[in-house]
Protein backbone atom coordinates (compact mmCIF):
# COMPACT_ATOMS: atom_id res chain seq x y z
CA MET A 1 -86.53 18.57 -91.48
CA LYS A 2 -87.17 20.58 -94.66
CA ASN A 3 -85.27 18.03 -96.76
CA GLN A 4 -87.43 15.28 -95.32
CA LEU A 5 -90.57 17.19 -96.27
CA LEU A 6 -89.24 17.78 -99.82
CA ALA A 7 -88.53 14.10 -100.21
CA ALA A 8 -92.02 13.37 -99.02
CA ALA A 9 -93.42 15.95 -101.48
CA VAL A 10 -91.49 14.42 -104.41
CA ALA A 11 -92.70 10.99 -103.48
CA ALA A 12 -96.19 12.34 -103.26
CA ALA A 13 -95.82 14.04 -106.64
CA LEU A 14 -94.63 10.81 -108.22
CA SER A 15 -97.52 8.98 -106.76
CA ILE A 16 -99.81 11.70 -107.95
CA GLY A 17 -98.31 11.45 -111.44
CA SER A 18 -98.90 7.73 -111.52
CA ALA A 19 -102.46 8.26 -110.37
CA ALA A 20 -103.18 11.12 -112.77
CA ASN A 21 -105.55 9.03 -114.76
CA ALA A 22 -107.70 8.50 -111.68
CA ALA A 23 -107.83 12.11 -110.44
CA SER A 24 -109.16 15.30 -111.85
CA ASN A 25 -107.08 18.41 -112.56
CA ASP A 26 -108.88 20.33 -109.79
CA GLU A 27 -107.88 17.76 -107.20
CA LEU A 28 -104.25 17.89 -108.29
CA ALA A 29 -104.21 21.67 -108.04
CA LEU A 30 -105.56 21.46 -104.48
CA ILE A 31 -102.87 19.01 -103.42
CA ARG A 32 -100.11 21.20 -104.94
CA SER A 33 -101.45 24.22 -103.04
CA GLN A 34 -101.44 22.34 -99.72
CA LEU A 35 -97.84 21.16 -100.27
CA GLN A 36 -96.76 24.74 -100.99
CA ASN A 37 -98.37 25.98 -97.74
CA LEU A 38 -96.66 23.21 -95.78
CA LEU A 39 -93.22 24.15 -97.15
CA GLN A 40 -93.79 27.79 -96.20
CA ARG A 41 -94.67 26.81 -92.63
CA VAL A 42 -91.51 24.69 -92.40
CA ASP A 43 -89.41 27.68 -93.50
CA LYS A 44 -91.04 29.83 -90.80
CA LEU A 45 -90.40 27.23 -88.07
CA GLU A 46 -86.72 26.90 -89.04
CA ALA A 47 -86.30 30.70 -88.85
CA GLU A 48 -87.85 30.77 -85.35
CA ASN A 49 -85.60 27.87 -84.25
CA ASP A 50 -82.49 29.73 -85.40
CA ALA A 51 -83.59 32.80 -83.37
CA LEU A 52 -84.13 30.70 -80.24
CA LYS A 53 -80.65 29.17 -80.60
CA ALA A 54 -79.11 32.64 -80.77
CA GLU A 55 -80.98 33.78 -77.63
CA ASN A 56 -79.94 30.61 -75.78
CA GLY A 57 -76.28 31.28 -76.58
CA GLN A 58 -76.56 34.83 -75.24
CA LEU A 59 -78.18 33.60 -71.99
CA LYS A 60 -75.46 30.98 -71.51
CA THR A 61 -72.74 33.63 -71.88
CA GLN A 62 -74.47 35.91 -69.35
CA THR A 63 -74.87 33.03 -66.86
CA GLU A 64 -71.17 32.18 -67.03
CA GLN A 65 -70.24 35.81 -66.37
CA VAL A 66 -72.55 36.02 -63.32
CA SER A 67 -71.12 32.76 -61.92
CA LYS A 68 -67.57 34.10 -62.20
CA GLN A 69 -68.58 37.30 -60.39
CA LEU A 70 -70.22 35.34 -57.54
CA ALA A 71 -67.14 33.13 -57.13
CA ALA A 72 -64.87 36.16 -57.00
CA SER A 73 -67.03 37.85 -54.33
CA ALA A 74 -67.09 34.62 -52.23
CA ASP A 75 -63.29 34.60 -52.10
CA LEU A 76 -63.39 38.00 -50.38
CA LYS A 77 -65.60 36.80 -47.50
CA PRO A 78 -63.87 35.90 -44.16
CA ALA A 79 -63.41 32.18 -43.49
CA ALA A 80 -65.72 30.54 -40.97
CA PRO A 81 -64.14 30.09 -37.52
CA ALA A 82 -62.40 26.73 -37.02
CA VAL A 83 -64.27 26.07 -33.75
CA LYS A 84 -67.70 27.52 -33.15
CA ALA A 85 -68.78 28.67 -29.70
CA ALA A 86 -71.68 26.23 -29.87
CA ASP A 87 -69.15 23.37 -30.05
CA TRP A 88 -68.06 23.80 -26.41
CA PRO A 89 -69.75 20.58 -25.14
CA ASN A 90 -67.36 18.61 -27.34
CA ARG A 91 -64.37 20.43 -25.85
CA VAL A 92 -65.25 20.12 -22.13
CA THR A 93 -65.09 17.01 -19.94
CA LEU A 94 -66.75 16.78 -16.52
CA LYS A 95 -65.77 14.11 -14.01
CA GLY A 96 -65.82 13.56 -10.28
CA ASP A 97 -66.19 11.15 -7.38
CA VAL A 98 -67.87 10.80 -4.01
CA ARG A 99 -66.45 8.62 -1.24
CA TYR A 100 -68.14 7.70 2.03
CA ARG A 101 -65.75 6.34 4.68
CA HIS A 102 -66.29 4.70 8.03
CA GLN A 103 -63.05 4.87 10.03
CA GLN A 104 -61.99 3.35 13.35
CA THR A 105 -58.67 4.40 14.93
CA ASP A 106 -56.85 2.99 17.95
CA ASP A 107 -54.03 5.46 18.74
CA ALA A 108 -52.16 4.30 21.85
CA SER A 109 -50.62 7.77 22.32
CA ALA A 110 -54.12 9.24 22.75
CA GLY A 111 -55.33 6.42 24.97
CA VAL A 112 -58.75 6.29 23.30
CA GLN A 113 -60.44 4.59 20.40
CA ARG A 114 -62.06 6.87 17.86
CA GLU A 115 -64.88 6.19 15.40
CA GLU A 116 -65.62 8.60 12.53
CA ASP A 117 -67.64 8.86 9.35
CA LEU A 118 -65.98 10.96 6.65
CA LEU A 119 -67.05 12.28 3.29
CA ARG A 120 -64.96 13.26 0.27
CA ALA A 121 -66.45 14.86 -2.83
CA ARG A 122 -64.51 16.08 -5.86
CA VAL A 123 -65.57 17.50 -9.21
CA ALA A 124 -63.35 18.72 -12.05
CA LEU A 125 -63.73 20.27 -15.48
CA GLU A 126 -61.16 19.85 -18.23
CA GLY A 127 -61.51 22.01 -21.32
CA LYS A 128 -59.71 22.00 -24.65
CA VAL A 129 -58.47 25.53 -25.39
CA ASN A 130 -56.98 24.63 -28.78
CA ASP A 131 -55.13 21.75 -30.42
CA THR A 132 -52.15 22.07 -28.03
CA MET A 133 -53.58 23.25 -24.70
CA VAL A 134 -56.08 22.10 -22.09
CA VAL A 135 -57.09 23.69 -18.80
CA GLY A 136 -58.39 22.01 -15.66
CA VAL A 137 -60.39 23.38 -12.73
CA GLY A 138 -61.49 21.29 -9.76
CA LEU A 139 -63.23 21.65 -6.41
CA ALA A 140 -63.03 19.32 -3.42
CA THR A 141 -64.25 19.11 0.13
CA SER A 142 -61.61 19.49 2.86
CA SER A 143 -61.22 20.30 6.52
CA SER A 144 -60.36 23.92 7.29
CA PRO A 145 -58.12 25.57 6.19
CA GLY A 146 -57.88 23.15 3.25
CA SER A 147 -55.52 20.29 4.08
CA PRO A 148 -52.89 19.68 1.36
CA ARG A 149 -53.07 15.90 1.85
CA GLY A 150 -56.72 15.18 2.47
CA ALA A 151 -60.15 16.05 1.08
CA ASN A 152 -62.11 14.40 3.89
CA VAL A 153 -64.69 16.26 5.94
CA GLN A 154 -66.10 14.83 9.14
CA LEU A 155 -69.81 14.16 9.43
CA ASP A 156 -70.64 16.10 12.57
CA GLY A 157 -71.72 19.62 13.53
CA ALA A 158 -75.46 18.92 13.53
CA PHE A 159 -75.74 18.82 9.70
CA SER A 160 -73.53 21.87 9.22
CA ARG A 161 -72.40 22.89 5.72
CA LYS A 162 -69.10 21.39 4.60
CA SER A 163 -66.18 23.37 3.24
CA ALA A 164 -65.02 23.16 -0.37
CA TYR A 165 -61.78 24.49 -1.87
CA PHE A 166 -60.04 24.78 -5.20
CA ASP A 167 -58.43 21.39 -5.68
CA LEU A 168 -57.08 21.95 -9.23
CA ALA A 169 -56.46 25.01 -11.40
CA TYR A 170 -53.91 24.52 -14.17
CA PHE A 171 -53.15 24.62 -17.86
CA ASP A 172 -51.29 21.91 -19.77
CA TRP A 173 -49.55 23.07 -22.96
CA THR A 174 -48.16 20.48 -25.39
CA PHE A 175 -45.42 22.72 -26.77
CA ALA A 176 -43.63 19.93 -28.68
CA ASP A 177 -44.19 16.27 -29.51
CA ASN A 178 -44.70 14.40 -26.19
CA ALA A 179 -43.52 17.45 -24.22
CA HIS A 180 -45.80 19.28 -21.77
CA PHE A 181 -45.50 22.52 -19.82
CA ILE A 182 -47.92 22.58 -16.86
CA ALA A 183 -48.58 25.55 -14.59
CA GLY A 184 -50.91 26.08 -11.62
CA LYS A 185 -52.30 23.70 -9.03
CA MET A 186 -51.87 20.38 -10.79
CA LYS A 187 -51.93 16.63 -10.43
CA MET A 188 -48.61 15.05 -9.53
CA PRO A 189 -46.39 15.27 -12.63
CA PHE A 190 -44.17 12.35 -11.63
CA VAL A 191 -44.62 8.57 -11.52
CA ARG A 192 -45.25 6.64 -8.28
CA PRO A 193 -45.27 2.84 -8.08
CA GLY A 194 -48.17 0.63 -7.06
CA GLN A 195 -49.79 1.61 -3.77
CA SER A 196 -46.77 3.44 -2.37
CA VAL A 197 -47.64 5.79 0.50
CA LEU A 198 -44.40 7.76 0.62
CA TRP A 199 -46.52 10.52 -0.94
CA ASP A 200 -50.16 11.13 0.00
CA ASN A 201 -52.53 10.38 -2.89
CA ASP A 202 -54.44 13.65 -2.40
CA ILE A 203 -51.40 15.93 -2.82
CA ASN A 204 -51.89 18.37 -5.73
CA PRO A 205 -48.69 20.45 -5.95
CA GLU A 206 -48.55 24.10 -7.03
CA GLY A 207 -46.09 25.73 -9.42
CA LEU A 208 -44.50 24.76 -12.73
CA ALA A 209 -43.65 21.37 -14.26
CA PHE A 210 -42.31 19.89 -17.49
CA THR A 211 -42.98 16.31 -18.60
CA TYR A 212 -41.58 14.42 -21.57
CA SER A 213 -41.80 10.94 -23.05
CA ASN A 214 -40.12 9.30 -26.02
CA GLY A 215 -41.07 5.70 -26.62
CA SER A 216 -40.41 3.85 -23.37
CA LEU A 217 -38.44 6.72 -21.82
CA PHE A 218 -40.14 9.32 -19.62
CA GLY A 219 -39.12 12.18 -17.40
CA SER A 220 -40.30 15.26 -15.54
CA ALA A 221 -38.94 18.33 -13.79
CA TRP A 222 -40.73 20.70 -11.43
CA ASN A 223 -40.50 23.91 -9.42
CA PHE A 224 -43.16 23.99 -6.69
CA TRP A 225 -44.00 26.82 -4.32
CA ILE A 226 -44.11 25.77 -0.65
CA GLU A 227 -44.22 29.03 1.30
CA GLU A 228 -43.63 32.72 0.65
CA ASN A 229 -42.34 34.97 3.47
CA VAL A 230 -41.88 31.90 5.65
CA GLN A 231 -41.36 32.20 9.42
CA THR A 232 -38.10 31.15 11.01
CA GLY A 233 -37.71 29.86 14.55
CA THR A 234 -40.31 31.50 16.77
CA ALA A 235 -43.59 32.71 15.44
CA THR A 236 -42.63 36.38 15.86
CA SER A 237 -39.56 36.37 13.58
CA THR A 238 -39.74 36.22 9.80
CA ALA A 239 -37.37 36.03 6.86
CA THR A 240 -38.43 37.55 3.56
CA SER A 241 -35.27 37.20 1.47
CA THR A 242 -35.61 33.51 0.54
CA ASP A 243 -38.88 31.71 -0.06
CA THR A 244 -39.20 27.96 0.40
CA LYS A 245 -39.62 26.01 -2.84
CA MET A 246 -39.26 22.44 -4.00
CA TYR A 247 -37.13 21.64 -7.05
CA GLY A 248 -37.14 18.14 -8.45
CA LEU A 249 -36.73 15.83 -11.41
CA GLN A 250 -37.41 12.23 -12.37
CA VAL A 251 -36.21 10.00 -15.22
CA GLY A 252 -37.34 6.48 -15.96
CA ASN A 253 -38.10 3.76 -18.49
CA ARG A 254 -40.91 1.31 -19.20
CA PHE A 255 -39.70 -2.12 -20.31
CA ASP A 256 -41.83 -4.63 -22.24
CA LEU A 257 -40.75 -8.08 -21.08
CA GLY A 258 -42.64 -10.49 -23.28
CA GLY A 259 -46.00 -8.90 -22.55
CA ASN A 260 -45.13 -8.11 -18.93
CA ALA A 261 -44.40 -4.50 -17.92
CA LEU A 262 -41.50 -3.29 -15.78
CA VAL A 263 -41.17 0.37 -14.78
CA VAL A 264 -38.03 1.77 -13.14
CA ALA A 265 -37.25 5.39 -12.29
CA ALA A 266 -34.91 7.57 -10.27
CA SER A 267 -35.80 10.93 -8.76
CA TYR A 268 -34.41 13.80 -6.71
CA TYR A 269 -36.06 16.71 -4.94
CA ASP A 270 -34.71 19.57 -2.87
CA LEU A 271 -36.92 21.37 -0.36
CA ALA A 272 -34.82 24.52 -0.64
CA ALA A 273 -34.57 26.93 2.29
CA ALA A 274 -36.36 24.58 4.68
CA LYS A 275 -33.81 24.25 7.48
CA GLY A 276 -34.61 26.53 10.39
CA ARG A 277 -38.04 27.40 9.02
CA ARG A 278 -41.18 26.70 10.99
CA PRO A 279 -43.30 23.86 9.55
CA PHE A 280 -45.52 25.34 6.92
CA TYR A 281 -49.09 24.00 7.13
CA ASN A 282 -50.69 24.52 10.57
CA GLY A 283 -47.21 24.63 12.13
CA ALA A 284 -47.19 20.82 12.52
CA SER A 285 -43.94 18.87 12.16
CA ASN A 286 -45.72 15.53 11.63
CA GLY A 287 -42.70 13.77 13.11
CA ASN A 288 -39.80 15.72 11.52
CA SER A 289 -37.03 16.87 13.88
CA LEU A 290 -37.24 20.48 15.12
CA THR A 291 -34.69 22.88 16.59
CA SER A 292 -35.06 24.33 20.09
CA THR A 293 -36.80 27.38 18.58
CA GLY A 294 -39.31 25.34 16.59
CA GLY A 295 -37.70 25.38 13.14
CA LEU A 296 -37.02 22.32 10.99
CA ALA A 297 -33.72 20.74 11.98
CA TYR A 298 -32.77 19.62 8.45
CA ASP A 299 -33.12 20.46 4.81
CA PHE A 300 -34.63 17.80 2.56
CA GLN A 301 -32.46 16.70 -0.36
CA VAL A 302 -34.12 13.41 -1.17
CA VAL A 303 -33.02 10.85 -3.75
CA GLY A 304 -35.43 8.08 -4.71
CA LEU A 305 -35.59 4.81 -6.65
CA LEU A 306 -38.74 2.93 -7.64
CA ALA A 307 -39.72 -0.19 -9.52
CA GLU A 308 -43.05 -1.70 -10.53
CA TYR A 309 -43.60 -5.06 -12.26
CA ASN A 310 -46.97 -6.06 -13.72
CA PHE A 311 -47.70 -9.57 -15.02
CA LYS A 312 -50.36 -12.30 -15.00
CA LEU A 313 -50.87 -15.02 -12.40
CA ALA A 314 -53.05 -17.47 -14.33
CA SER A 315 -55.72 -15.04 -15.54
CA LEU A 316 -55.32 -12.56 -12.67
CA PRO A 317 -53.24 -9.36 -12.90
CA LEU A 318 -50.41 -9.31 -10.36
CA GLN A 319 -48.36 -6.29 -9.38
CA VAL A 320 -45.15 -6.15 -7.32
CA TRP A 321 -43.55 -2.80 -6.48
CA ALA A 322 -40.93 -1.09 -4.32
CA ASP A 323 -40.19 2.56 -3.50
CA ALA A 324 -37.16 3.84 -1.60
CA ALA A 325 -35.93 7.32 -0.61
CA ARG A 326 -33.05 8.85 1.34
CA ASN A 327 -32.55 12.36 2.67
CA LEU A 328 -28.92 13.37 2.09
CA ASP A 329 -29.11 16.04 4.83
CA ALA A 330 -30.39 14.06 7.84
CA VAL A 331 -29.42 11.42 10.43
CA TYR A 332 -32.61 9.33 10.40
CA ASP A 333 -32.65 9.46 6.63
CA THR A 334 -34.20 6.33 5.06
CA ALA A 335 -37.68 5.51 3.78
CA PHE A 336 -38.66 2.23 2.16
CA THR A 337 -41.90 0.58 1.12
CA MET A 338 -42.71 -2.52 -0.90
CA GLY A 339 -45.85 -4.50 -1.63
CA THR A 340 -47.97 -6.59 -3.94
CA MET A 341 -51.49 -6.47 -5.33
CA VAL A 342 -53.35 -9.39 -6.94
CA GLY A 343 -56.44 -8.75 -9.02
CA LYS A 344 -58.00 -5.39 -9.81
CA ALA A 345 -61.40 -4.15 -8.67
CA SER A 346 -62.61 -2.32 -11.78
CA ASN A 347 -65.21 -4.11 -13.90
CA PRO A 348 -68.35 -5.43 -12.17
CA GLY A 349 -67.63 -8.62 -10.24
CA THR A 350 -63.83 -8.12 -10.03
CA TRP A 351 -61.80 -7.95 -6.84
CA GLU A 352 -58.31 -7.17 -5.51
CA PHE A 353 -56.14 -7.91 -2.49
CA GLY A 354 -52.88 -6.25 -1.48
CA LEU A 355 -50.22 -6.30 1.22
CA ALA A 356 -47.47 -3.75 1.84
CA TYR A 357 -44.75 -2.91 4.36
CA GLN A 358 -43.34 0.57 4.99
CA LEU A 359 -40.55 2.10 7.04
CA ILE A 360 -40.10 5.86 7.11
CA GLU A 361 -37.45 7.24 9.43
CA LYS A 362 -37.90 10.55 11.22
CA ASP A 363 -36.37 12.90 8.63
CA ALA A 364 -36.27 10.72 5.52
CA MET A 365 -38.95 12.83 3.79
CA PHE A 366 -40.80 16.07 4.37
CA ALA A 367 -43.53 14.71 6.64
CA GLN A 368 -46.30 17.14 5.62
CA HIS A 369 -46.44 15.33 2.26
CA ILE A 370 -46.34 11.68 3.33
CA ASP A 371 -49.52 9.58 3.51
CA SER A 372 -51.95 10.97 6.08
CA ASP A 373 -53.33 7.56 7.14
CA PHE A 374 -50.20 5.46 7.63
CA ALA A 375 -49.19 5.85 11.30
CA GLY A 376 -51.57 8.79 11.53
CA GLY A 377 -49.59 10.79 8.98
CA TYR A 378 -46.35 10.84 10.98
CA SER A 379 -42.81 9.91 10.05
CA ASP A 380 -40.58 7.84 12.38
CA ALA A 381 -42.88 4.84 11.89
CA ASP A 382 -43.11 1.43 10.30
CA GLY A 383 -45.70 -1.27 9.82
CA TRP A 384 -48.09 -3.05 7.50
CA VAL A 385 -50.95 -2.11 5.21
CA ILE A 386 -53.58 -4.67 4.16
CA ARG A 387 -55.99 -3.76 1.35
CA SER A 388 -58.96 -5.40 -0.33
CA GLY A 389 -61.56 -4.29 -2.82
CA TYR A 390 -64.61 -5.48 -4.74
CA ALA A 391 -66.56 -3.85 -7.59
CA PRO A 392 -70.27 -4.84 -7.38
CA SER A 393 -71.21 -2.65 -10.35
CA LYS A 394 -69.76 -0.20 -12.85
CA ASN A 395 -67.97 2.81 -11.29
CA PHE A 396 -68.68 1.56 -7.76
CA VAL A 397 -65.96 -0.06 -5.62
CA LEU A 398 -66.01 -1.22 -1.98
CA ASN A 399 -62.62 -1.05 -0.23
CA ALA A 400 -61.33 -2.14 3.16
CA THR A 401 -57.88 -1.02 4.39
CA TYR A 402 -56.19 -1.88 7.66
CA TYR A 403 -53.04 -0.18 9.02
CA LYS A 404 -50.98 -1.99 11.65
CA ASN A 405 -48.20 0.48 12.53
CA VAL A 406 -45.71 1.53 15.21
CA ASP A 407 -44.88 5.23 15.81
CA ASN A 408 -41.74 6.72 17.40
CA LYS A 409 -39.75 3.90 15.87
CA ASP A 410 -36.34 5.59 16.32
CA VAL A 411 -36.88 8.49 18.73
CA GLY A 412 -39.07 8.64 21.83
CA THR A 413 -41.38 6.03 23.30
CA GLN A 414 -42.86 3.63 20.83
CA TYR A 415 -46.63 3.23 20.62
CA ASP A 416 -49.06 1.30 18.42
CA PHE A 417 -51.29 2.86 15.83
CA ASP A 418 -54.09 0.81 14.25
CA ARG A 419 -56.66 2.07 11.77
CA LEU A 420 -59.48 0.39 9.83
CA MET A 421 -61.11 2.17 6.89
CA LEU A 422 -64.24 0.99 5.02
CA ASP A 423 -64.79 2.97 1.80
CA PHE A 424 -67.73 3.25 -0.57
CA ASN A 425 -66.23 4.74 -3.75
CA THR A 426 -68.33 6.09 -6.61
CA LYS A 427 -67.19 8.04 -9.66
CA PHE A 428 -68.61 9.53 -12.82
């Protein structure tokens, strides 16, 4: 800047020299004095600018030092928790259903026709503990003392309160890729085909289970508790040395057949220490053979085979399935069911229709776990099941099911058992 002013002063001096003839000496002296004052002011400004630059450099150095100190102190602070407590709504799922049922039963062994209205309500919470574990807790209505294969309560008792029980209480730990360890009161850890009623749909077993899948292959193994300190023979004698448990396993494969799905699986379960023991829930045999003292006449070592094929009929889904079982420790030892279902009542305006046949001999399976509606929940029976359903709106399905069965198929006097069920199913 000073150089520019000097150049300007020289130019001015030259112009002054050229105009000397027109100006007086006093005027020239005044101009020279003003130029000298201007140069002095420029020198002062440059000195102040140099001082400001020095101060700015010192401030910059101090700022960098403070920043480094703050960064070092931040590294010493504990990391924020990966999941905050306030995040629990994102880790918890609530779901449930309510079913109203009108039921008409014609049981020839009772000699009367019965009409009932039944209610089932279930609610369950599933929470994510961490990246590898979830827990589930559920409550459901049920008749006293909490039937293992039914959550229905009867609408009677002059508006009396209805009982509710723990329906689920388990944890599910994914301890390896596609491998789960489940403990507690859980959903069934094995696959069942179609609408098979060899097992009741409301059974939630208790104990330990492992499940695994690898591509199309799947499998499971389980150890369920049935009864501790179980009674043998008469009600007054007990055996405490061996508790009754159920051990089992299943292996299977899912085949992709050009867009159609075929599932096949084999299974085995052993109701260990069952022979000679009194039936476990409410002391009811539900059709199984008993000894003269009231104990179960056979153990239950049951092998099973199942298949399910899903494909399209025009634009409608079509399912065909079969389920078979045999008790290796009994005389009347065979159970078999097969059926088909066309359509699926799910989205609003959709419908379904199904037909199935079932035969379950007297000791083919442990009868306290078979379907509670087919033949009144008894083994030693066969017959037909006709189903239909329609979904008028989202999460609302109307179902009608009719059982046309014969009880005491192999032992005793045969009698007819007919049941019609009209269901109003809602879920959330």
